[in-house]
């Protein structure tokens, strides 16, 4: 047991050191087909651990069908369904393609994605662009003519303008934006008001320089200025870039992914690579928009939990008191939430700090073994979706601890094999 403990400690330190050494930079916006490893024209990515097509229901299924129609892979929903059932259109998890997706997570070939790169190692993370604040979005399981037009505008106008701007300015460093935003009241999951404003400041001149003051440029600037959650998807791509730097560290119980499908919560750890550990989804404690009830909502998936995976969102609750109405209940409770997260993490972030806690770094590096031993699960800030599609509000999710326990046990079994084979644990 002593040998296992020593290997785990060294492996966890190696994993967290890799993650903290990452210097994520927004370098481009590119169609998913050209950015994501293994992506094809007939592949549709979605949130969560993999499921068979027949297992997808509700809003996540509607979004996948909508993406097939959007890409012109089928003329009707019925045809798309048949092609998906036959495997001629393939559904895969975003996480298997260096990507994460919001809510349903649907990502298809022509959709533009943020490209976030660690300049030192070249590790990349990706996420589709934010669709805007309309309640009806493909992200939230809605497919109709209005949604289609917005997606086409994102593909033909917003994506190319952002790409040109990032290329002309040489990219935008993300970590300093996150640091500033935490000091201005963001958690970088449910609240991105400050981060979106700072990114807008940094992109304003490059957008004008690269594209000129045309009517389309005015549309882009107006879109960026009025969507407070625009930065969220950049933060998600950043989280993926950081977490994937520790993707395969033998012996490590550090969590590298947390994700939801419409029916399951699942995690990965550094020591178990691409293997998922799953459990049924627990209830979401949410504050809904006026006139809505709990029975109007349903899970549709989601991978914005990657922000919690790297110490933001619910782990940084004490930085975002304006979220207390629907995420914490009170400022005191939000402070308690963040303080409890230090029990289950390996380190603190040296740059991302929380003013209320005396500028202590956010809790960083969720340790599945600590979750298992303490029974304290990571707290997650996340959006709520309407059963029939659309945005319903936001709230607090407390995941089940079983996947963390199962992952830690699996790491121990694999580590025992390492000890027996005298293989070396990867270093930082």
Protein backbone atom coordinates (compact mmCIF):
# COMPACT_ATOMS: atom_id res chain seq x y z
CA UNK A 1 0.00 0.00 0.00
CA UNK A 2 2.92 2.30 0.79
CA UNK A 3 4.24 1.86 -2.75
CA UNK A 4 0.83 2.70 -4.23
CA UNK A 5 0.59 5.83 -2.10
CA UNK A 6 4.04 7.02 -3.12
CA UNK A 7 3.39 6.39 -6.80
CA UNK A 8 0.03 8.14 -6.64
CA UNK A 9 1.54 11.19 -4.94
CA UNK A 10 4.33 11.44 -7.53
CA UNK A 11 1.94 10.84 -10.42
CA UNK A 12 -0.57 13.41 -9.17
CA UNK A 13 2.19 15.97 -8.78
CA UNK A 14 3.35 15.21 -12.33
CA UNK A 15 -0.18 15.59 -13.72
CA UNK A 16 -0.89 18.86 -11.91
CA UNK A 17 2.54 20.25 -12.82
CA UNK A 18 1.77 19.64 -16.49
CA UNK A 19 -1.62 21.30 -16.19
CA UNK A 20 -0.28 24.35 -14.36
CA UNK A 21 2.56 24.74 -16.87
CA UNK A 22 0.08 25.12 -19.74
CA UNK A 23 -0.02 28.59 -21.30
CA UNK A 24 -3.27 28.60 -23.31
CA UNK A 25 -3.61 31.01 -26.22
CA UNK A 26 -6.59 31.65 -28.51
CA UNK A 27 -4.86 31.22 -31.85
CA UNK A 28 -7.66 30.80 -34.38
CA UNK A 29 -11.27 30.00 -35.22
CA UNK A 30 -11.48 27.16 -37.77
CA UNK A 31 -14.18 24.81 -39.12
CA UNK A 32 -14.29 21.67 -36.99
CA UNK A 33 -13.42 19.50 -40.00
CA UNK A 34 -10.03 21.22 -40.32
CA UNK A 35 -9.29 21.59 -36.61
CA UNK A 36 -10.33 18.42 -34.81
CA UNK A 37 -8.27 15.22 -35.04
CA UNK A 38 -10.24 12.40 -36.62
CA UNK A 39 -13.16 14.62 -37.65
CA UNK A 40 -15.01 13.75 -40.87
CA UNK A 41 -17.87 15.24 -42.87
CA UNK A 42 -20.17 12.46 -41.63
CA UNK A 43 -19.22 12.71 -37.96
CA UNK A 44 -21.33 14.55 -35.38
CA UNK A 45 -19.82 15.06 -31.95
CA UNK A 46 -21.91 15.35 -28.80
CA UNK A 47 -21.57 15.67 -25.03
CA UNK A 48 -20.81 12.93 -22.56
CA UNK A 49 -19.45 9.41 -22.53
CA UNK A 50 -20.35 7.45 -25.69
CA UNK A 51 -23.83 6.00 -26.18
CA UNK A 52 -25.41 4.01 -28.99
CA UNK A 53 -27.61 6.12 -31.28
CA UNK A 54 -30.71 4.32 -30.02
CA UNK A 55 -29.96 5.50 -26.46
CA UNK A 56 -30.09 9.21 -27.28
CA UNK A 57 -33.48 10.75 -26.58
CA UNK A 58 -35.05 14.17 -26.07
CA UNK A 59 -33.14 17.35 -26.73
CA UNK A 60 -29.75 15.73 -27.30
CA UNK A 61 -31.23 13.48 -29.98
CA UNK A 62 -33.06 16.45 -31.59
CA UNK A 63 -29.81 18.44 -31.69
CA UNK A 64 -27.87 15.61 -33.35
CA UNK A 65 -30.62 15.24 -35.97
CA UNK A 66 -30.60 19.01 -36.47
CA UNK A 67 -26.84 18.98 -37.06
CA UNK A 68 -27.26 16.29 -39.72
CA UNK A 69 -29.82 18.48 -41.52
CA UNK A 70 -27.66 21.58 -41.07
CA UNK A 71 -24.71 19.82 -42.75
CA UNK A 72 -26.90 18.62 -45.62
CA UNK A 73 -26.29 14.97 -44.74
CA UNK A 74 -30.03 14.29 -44.97
CA UNK A 75 -33.08 16.04 -46.38
CA UNK A 76 -35.49 15.09 -43.61
CA UNK A 77 -35.38 14.17 -39.94
CA UNK A 78 -36.54 10.65 -40.81
CA UNK A 79 -33.72 10.21 -43.31
CA UNK A 80 -31.17 11.53 -40.81
CA UNK A 81 -32.47 9.11 -38.18
CA UNK A 82 -32.10 6.18 -40.58
CA UNK A 83 -28.56 7.17 -41.57
CA UNK A 84 -27.57 7.51 -37.92
CA UNK A 85 -29.09 4.12 -37.10
CA UNK A 86 -27.19 2.57 -40.01
CA UNK A 87 -23.90 4.15 -38.94
CA UNK A 88 -23.55 6.14 -42.16
CA UNK A 89 -23.60 9.25 -39.98
CA UNK A 90 -21.49 8.59 -36.90
CA UNK A 91 -22.03 10.05 -33.42
CA UNK A 92 -18.94 10.31 -31.21
CA UNK A 93 -18.01 12.02 -27.94
CA UNK A 94 -16.51 15.49 -28.21
CA UNK A 95 -13.79 14.56 -25.71
CA UNK A 96 -12.37 11.93 -28.08
CA UNK A 97 -11.61 14.66 -30.61
CA UNK A 98 -9.81 17.28 -28.46
CA UNK A 99 -13.11 19.10 -28.14
CA UNK A 100 -15.82 19.99 -25.63
CA UNK A 101 -19.39 21.09 -26.21
CA UNK A 102 -21.98 23.07 -24.26
CA UNK A 103 -25.23 21.33 -23.15
CA UNK A 104 -26.03 18.95 -26.06
CA UNK A 105 -22.48 19.60 -27.21
CA UNK A 106 -23.35 19.08 -30.86
CA UNK A 107 -20.40 19.85 -33.12
CA UNK A 108 -20.41 19.11 -36.85
CA UNK A 109 -17.91 19.46 -39.67
CA UNK A 110 -18.56 23.02 -40.88
CA UNK A 111 -19.15 24.60 -37.45
CA UNK A 112 -16.34 27.01 -36.50
CA UNK A 113 -14.48 26.16 -33.29
CA UNK A 114 -12.15 28.08 -31.01
CA UNK A 115 -8.59 26.79 -31.25
CA UNK A 116 -6.74 27.16 -27.94
CA UNK A 117 -3.11 26.10 -28.02
CA UNK A 118 -0.44 25.61 -25.40
CA UNK A 119 2.44 27.31 -27.15
CA UNK A 120 5.04 25.22 -25.29
CA UNK A 121 3.72 21.76 -26.17
CA UNK A 122 1.25 22.35 -29.01
CA UNK A 123 -1.56 20.67 -27.05
CA UNK A 124 -4.89 22.04 -28.29
CA UNK A 125 -8.44 22.31 -27.02
CA UNK A 126 -11.51 23.28 -29.04
CA UNK A 127 -15.13 24.34 -28.59
CA UNK A 128 -17.81 25.64 -30.95
CA UNK A 129 -18.62 29.35 -30.83
CA UNK A 130 -21.39 30.61 -28.55
CA UNK A 131 -24.71 30.78 -30.40
CA UNK A 132 -25.99 33.85 -28.58
CA UNK A 133 -28.47 34.44 -25.79
CA UNK A 134 -31.67 33.44 -27.62
CA UNK A 135 -33.43 30.76 -25.59
CA UNK A 136 -33.88 28.59 -28.69
CA UNK A 137 -30.49 27.20 -29.78
CA UNK A 138 -29.16 23.93 -31.17
CA UNK A 139 -27.06 23.80 -28.00
CA UNK A 140 -30.35 23.56 -26.07
CA UNK A 141 -31.96 20.95 -28.31
CA UNK A 142 -33.84 23.20 -30.74
CA UNK A 143 -33.71 22.91 -34.53
CA UNK A 144 -35.76 25.27 -36.67
CA UNK A 145 -35.31 27.86 -39.43
CA UNK A 146 -34.24 30.60 -37.00
CA UNK A 147 -31.60 28.38 -35.40
CA UNK A 148 -30.35 27.40 -38.85
CA UNK A 149 -29.97 31.04 -39.90
CA UNK A 150 -27.99 31.88 -36.75
CA UNK A 151 -25.67 28.91 -37.31
CA UNK A 152 -25.10 29.97 -40.92
CA UNK A 153 -24.27 33.51 -39.77
CA UNK A 154 -21.79 32.14 -37.24
CA UNK A 155 -20.20 30.00 -39.94
CA UNK A 156 -20.11 32.61 -42.71
CA UNK A 157 -19.60 35.87 -40.80
CA UNK A 158 -18.60 35.55 -37.13
CA UNK A 159 -16.12 32.69 -37.49
CA UNK A 160 -14.14 34.14 -40.41
CA UNK A 161 -13.99 37.61 -38.81
CA UNK A 162 -12.70 36.21 -35.51
CA UNK A 163 -10.18 34.06 -37.37
CA UNK A 164 -8.85 37.05 -39.29
CA UNK A 165 -8.62 39.11 -36.11
CA UNK A 166 -6.73 36.42 -34.16
CA UNK A 167 -4.31 35.89 -37.01
CA UNK A 168 -3.57 39.59 -37.35
CA UNK A 169 -2.92 40.05 -33.61
CA UNK A 170 -0.98 36.82 -33.18
CA UNK A 171 -3.44 35.28 -30.72
CA UNK A 172 -4.81 36.21 -27.32
CA UNK A 173 -3.45 34.79 -24.06
CA UNK A 174 -6.32 33.36 -22.03
CA UNK A 175 -4.89 33.00 -18.53
CA UNK A 176 -4.54 36.77 -17.91
CA UNK A 177 -8.19 37.25 -18.94
CA UNK A 178 -9.32 34.58 -16.50
CA UNK A 179 -7.22 36.14 -13.75
CA UNK A 180 -8.79 39.57 -14.32
CA UNK A 181 -12.30 38.15 -14.62
CA UNK A 182 -12.09 36.29 -11.29
CA UNK A 183 -11.20 39.61 -9.69
CA UNK A 184 -14.23 41.22 -11.35
CA UNK A 185 -16.86 38.72 -10.18
CA UNK A 186 -16.82 35.91 -12.76
CA UNK A 187 -16.68 32.20 -12.00
CA UNK A 188 -15.93 31.52 -15.72
CA UNK A 189 -18.83 29.10 -16.02
CA UNK A 190 -22.25 30.58 -15.20
CA UNK A 191 -20.88 34.13 -15.17
CA UNK A 192 -18.52 35.37 -17.90
CA UNK A 193 -19.56 39.03 -17.97
CA UNK A 194 -16.13 40.42 -17.15
CA UNK A 195 -14.18 37.93 -19.26
CA UNK A 196 -16.38 38.60 -22.30
CA UNK A 197 -15.85 42.36 -21.86
CA UNK A 198 -12.08 41.96 -21.59
CA UNK A 199 -11.94 39.72 -24.66
CA UNK A 200 -14.09 42.24 -26.54
CA UNK A 201 -11.59 44.98 -25.64
CA UNK A 202 -8.69 42.89 -26.92
CA UNK A 203 -10.39 41.88 -30.17
CA UNK A 204 -12.07 45.19 -31.06
CA UNK A 205 -9.14 46.78 -32.90
CA UNK A 206 -7.95 43.53 -34.57
CA UNK A 207 -11.49 42.88 -35.86
CA UNK A 208 -11.62 46.35 -37.40
CA UNK A 209 -8.09 46.13 -38.78
CA UNK A 210 -8.63 42.69 -40.30
CA UNK A 211 -12.15 43.18 -41.67
CA UNK A 212 -12.78 46.90 -42.04
CA UNK A 213 -15.87 48.74 -40.77
CA UNK A 214 -18.40 46.95 -42.96
CA UNK A 215 -22.01 46.10 -42.17
CA UNK A 216 -20.92 42.56 -41.32
CA UNK A 217 -18.25 43.89 -38.96
CA UNK A 218 -20.89 45.99 -37.23
CA UNK A 219 -22.98 42.84 -36.80
CA UNK A 220 -20.03 41.00 -35.25
CA UNK A 221 -19.18 43.84 -32.86
CA UNK A 222 -22.82 44.17 -31.82
CA UNK A 223 -23.04 40.41 -31.20
CA UNK A 224 -19.89 40.41 -29.05
CA UNK A 225 -20.94 43.47 -27.08
CA UNK A 226 -24.36 42.14 -26.04
CA UNK A 227 -23.58 38.49 -25.20
CA UNK A 228 -22.15 38.27 -21.70
CA UNK A 229 -21.57 34.51 -21.96
CA UNK A 230 -19.56 34.73 -25.18
CA UNK A 231 -16.28 33.94 -23.39
CA UNK A 232 -17.64 30.70 -21.89
CA UNK A 233 -16.83 28.60 -24.93
CA UNK A 234 -13.30 30.05 -25.07
CA UNK A 235 -12.94 29.12 -21.39
CA UNK A 236 -14.17 25.60 -22.18
CA UNK A 237 -11.65 25.16 -24.99
CA UNK A 238 -9.01 26.43 -22.57
CA UNK A 239 -10.06 23.90 -19.95
CA UNK A 240 -9.80 21.10 -22.51
CA UNK A 241 -6.33 22.25 -23.55
CA UNK A 242 -5.17 22.32 -19.91
CA UNK A 243 -6.75 19.02 -18.87
CA UNK A 244 -5.49 17.11 -21.91
CA UNK A 245 -1.91 17.99 -20.98
CA UNK A 246 -2.32 15.37 -18.23
CA UNK A 247 -4.29 12.89 -20.32
CA UNK A 248 -2.17 9.79 -19.66
CA UNK A 249 -0.10 9.93 -16.46
CA UNK A 250 0.26 6.43 -15.04
CA UNK A 251 -0.83 6.21 -11.40
CA UNK A 252 -2.57 9.59 -11.25
CA UNK A 253 -6.08 10.03 -9.84
CA UNK A 254 -6.33 13.66 -11.05
CA UNK A 255 -9.58 14.23 -12.95
CA UNK A 256 -9.10 15.24 -16.59
CA UNK A 257 -12.75 15.38 -17.69
CA UNK A 258 -16.25 15.60 -16.23
CA UNK A 259 -19.15 15.41 -18.66
CA UNK A 260 -22.88 14.81 -18.97
CA UNK A 261 -24.98 13.11 -21.58
CA UNK A 262 -28.74 13.36 -21.25
CA UNK A 263 -28.70 10.32 -18.94
CA UNK A 264 -25.27 9.99 -17.31
CA UNK A 265 -22.55 11.84 -15.43
CA UNK A 266 -19.06 10.56 -16.28
CA UNK A 267 -15.42 11.32 -15.51
CA UNK A 268 -11.93 10.50 -16.74
CA UNK A 269 -8.67 10.59 -14.81
CA UNK A 270 -5.06 11.06 -15.87
CA UNK A 271 -4.21 7.50 -14.85
CA UNK A 272 -7.01 5.86 -16.83
CA UNK A 273 -6.70 7.74 -20.12
CA UNK A 274 -9.82 7.59 -22.30
CA UNK A 275 -11.80 5.25 -20.00
CA UNK A 276 -15.08 6.68 -18.64
CA UNK A 277 -16.57 6.05 -15.20
CA UNK A 278 -20.32 6.67 -15.15
CA UNK A 279 -23.33 7.12 -12.89
CA UNK A 280 -26.93 8.34 -13.30
CA UNK A 281 -27.40 12.13 -13.25
CA UNK A 282 -28.44 13.64 -9.90
CA UNK A 283 -31.01 16.45 -9.61
CA UNK A 284 -30.05 20.00 -10.59
CA UNK A 285 -30.93 22.66 -8.02
CA UNK A 286 -31.85 25.46 -10.40
CA UNK A 287 -33.44 28.87 -10.48
CA UNK A 288 -35.68 28.92 -13.53
CA UNK A 289 -36.88 31.78 -15.67
CA UNK A 290 -40.27 33.26 -14.68
CA UNK A 291 -43.20 30.97 -15.31
CA UNK A 292 -41.18 27.76 -15.57
CA UNK A 293 -41.37 24.74 -13.25
CA UNK A 294 -38.96 21.90 -12.49
CA UNK A 295 -41.09 19.49 -14.49
CA UNK A 296 -40.55 21.71 -17.56
CA UNK A 297 -36.81 20.92 -17.55
CA UNK A 298 -34.68 17.97 -18.64
CA UNK A 299 -30.99 17.13 -18.95
CA UNK A 300 -29.54 17.34 -22.45
CA UNK A 301 -25.87 16.76 -21.66
CA UNK A 302 -23.05 19.21 -21.20
CA UNK A 303 -19.28 19.53 -21.05
CA UNK A 304 -18.95 23.04 -19.65
CA UNK A 305 -17.98 21.07 -16.52
CA UNK A 306 -14.47 21.21 -17.98
CA UNK A 307 -14.27 24.63 -16.30
CA UNK A 308 -14.71 23.00 -12.88
CA UNK A 309 -12.16 20.38 -13.92
CA UNK A 310 -9.55 23.17 -14.02
CA UNK A 311 -10.64 25.00 -10.85
CA UNK A 312 -13.25 27.41 -12.18
CA UNK A 313 -17.07 27.43 -12.10
CA UNK A 314 -18.40 25.93 -8.88
CA UNK A 315 -14.88 25.52 -7.48
CA UNK A 316 -14.46 29.30 -7.75
CA UNK A 317 -17.93 30.09 -6.35
CA UNK A 318 -16.48 32.55 -3.81
CA UNK A 319 -15.36 34.78 -6.69
CA UNK A 320 -18.88 35.24 -8.10
CA UNK A 321 -21.30 36.36 -5.39
CA UNK A 322 -23.76 37.64 -8.00
CA UNK A 323 -24.59 33.99 -8.73
CA UNK A 324 -25.75 33.30 -5.19
CA UNK A 325 -29.48 33.44 -6.02
CA UNK A 326 -29.38 30.26 -8.06
CA UNK A 327 -25.99 28.66 -7.44
CA UNK A 328 -25.12 29.16 -3.81
CA UNK A 329 -28.11 30.42 -1.90
CA UNK A 330 -26.03 33.05 -0.13
CA UNK A 331 -22.56 34.58 -0.24
CA UNK A 332 -21.62 32.69 2.93
CA UNK A 333 -22.66 29.42 1.33
CA UNK A 334 -20.62 30.15 -1.79
CA UNK A 335 -17.54 30.76 0.37
CA UNK A 336 -18.19 27.45 2.15
CA UNK A 337 -18.47 25.70 -1.21
CA UNK A 338 -15.12 26.96 -2.44
CA UNK A 339 -13.39 26.24 0.88
CA UNK A 340 -14.69 22.67 0.79
CA UNK A 341 -13.19 22.21 -2.67
CA UNK A 342 -9.66 22.59 -1.26
CA UNK A 343 -10.28 19.25 0.50
CA UNK A 344 -10.52 17.38 -2.80
CA UNK A 345 -7.90 19.13 -4.92
CA UNK A 346 -4.16 18.68 -5.20
CA UNK A 347 -3.02 22.30 -5.43
CA UNK A 348 -4.01 25.94 -5.86
CA UNK A 349 -3.60 27.89 -9.08
CA UNK A 350 -0.71 30.36 -8.84
CA UNK A 351 -2.36 32.97 -11.11
CA UNK A 352 -6.13 32.48 -10.87
CA UNK A 353 -7.01 33.97 -7.49
CA UNK A 354 -10.11 34.79 -5.45
CA UNK A 355 -10.12 38.29 -3.90
CA UNK A 356 -12.51 37.43 -1.05
CA UNK A 357 -10.20 34.65 0.14
CA UNK A 358 -7.24 37.00 0.40
CA UNK A 359 -6.26 36.28 -3.21
CA UNK A 360 -5.78 32.60 -2.56
CA UNK A 361 -5.55 30.59 -5.77
CA UNK A 362 -8.59 28.65 -6.92
CA UNK A 363 -8.62 24.97 -5.83
CA UNK A 364 -6.91 23.11 -8.65
CA UNK A 365 -6.51 19.48 -9.67
CA UNK A 366 -9.55 17.47 -8.54
CA UNK A 367 -8.30 14.21 -7.02
CA UNK A 368 -10.74 11.33 -7.50
CA UNK A 369 -9.19 9.49 -4.55
CA UNK A 370 -9.87 12.46 -2.25
CA UNK A 371 -13.47 12.68 -3.49
CA UNK A 372 -13.85 8.98 -2.72
CA UNK A 373 -12.32 9.20 0.76
CA UNK A 374 -14.09 12.40 1.88
CA UNK A 375 -17.43 11.93 0.16
CA UNK A 376 -17.18 15.57 -0.97
CA UNK A 377 -18.09 15.93 -4.66
CA UNK A 378 -17.05 18.84 -6.88
CA UNK A 379 -19.71 21.56 -7.05
CA UNK A 380 -20.79 22.49 -10.56
CA UNK A 381 -22.45 25.67 -11.83
CA UNK A 382 -24.49 24.88 -14.94
CA UNK A 383 -27.43 25.86 -17.11
CA UNK A 384 -30.88 24.25 -17.12
CA UNK A 385 -32.68 23.23 -20.31
CA UNK A 386 -36.36 23.02 -21.18
CA UNK A 387 -37.70 19.53 -21.86
CA UNK A 388 -38.98 20.64 -25.28
CA UNK A 389 -35.81 22.61 -26.01
CA UNK A 390 -34.47 25.99 -24.99
CA UNK A 391 -32.69 27.66 -22.10
CA UNK A 392 -34.56 27.47 -18.76
CA UNK A 393 -32.21 28.99 -16.16
CA UNK A 394 -29.17 27.88 -14.17
CA UNK A 395 -28.22 26.25 -10.91
CA UNK A 396 -25.95 24.00 -8.85
CA UNK A 397 -25.20 20.34 -9.61
CA UNK A 398 -23.64 18.00 -7.05
CA UNK A 399 -22.35 14.94 -8.93
CA UNK A 400 -22.45 11.41 -7.53
CA UNK A 401 -19.21 10.21 -5.93
CA UNK A 402 -19.36 6.64 -7.30
CA UNK A 403 -17.47 7.39 -10.55
CA UNK A 404 -14.65 9.01 -8.58
CA UNK A 405 -14.37 5.97 -6.28
CA UNK A 406 -14.44 3.56 -9.22
CA UNK A 407 -11.81 5.59 -11.07
CA UNK A 408 -9.51 5.70 -8.03
CA UNK A 409 -9.85 1.93 -7.57
CA UNK A 410 -9.05 1.34 -11.24
CA UNK A 411 -5.96 3.58 -10.99
CA UNK A 412 -4.79 1.49 -8.02
CA UNK A 413 -5.25 -1.73 -10.00
CA UNK A 414 -3.35 -0.35 -12.98
CA UNK A 415 -0.64 1.00 -10.70
CA UNK A 416 -0.21 -2.42 -9.12
CA UNK A 417 0.52 -3.72 -12.62
CA UNK A 418 3.07 -0.94 -13.04
CA UNK A 419 4.80 -1.89 -9.81
CA UNK A 420 4.85 -5.53 -10.88
CA UNK A 421 6.26 -4.66 -14.27
CA UNK A 422 8.62 -2.03 -12.87
CA UNK A 423 7.42 0.49 -15.41
CA UNK A 424 8.22 4.11 -14.72
CA UNK A 425 5.59 6.66 -13.70
CA UNK A 426 5.71 9.63 -16.14
CA UNK A 427 7.36 12.77 -14.79
CA UNK A 428 6.21 16.36 -15.11
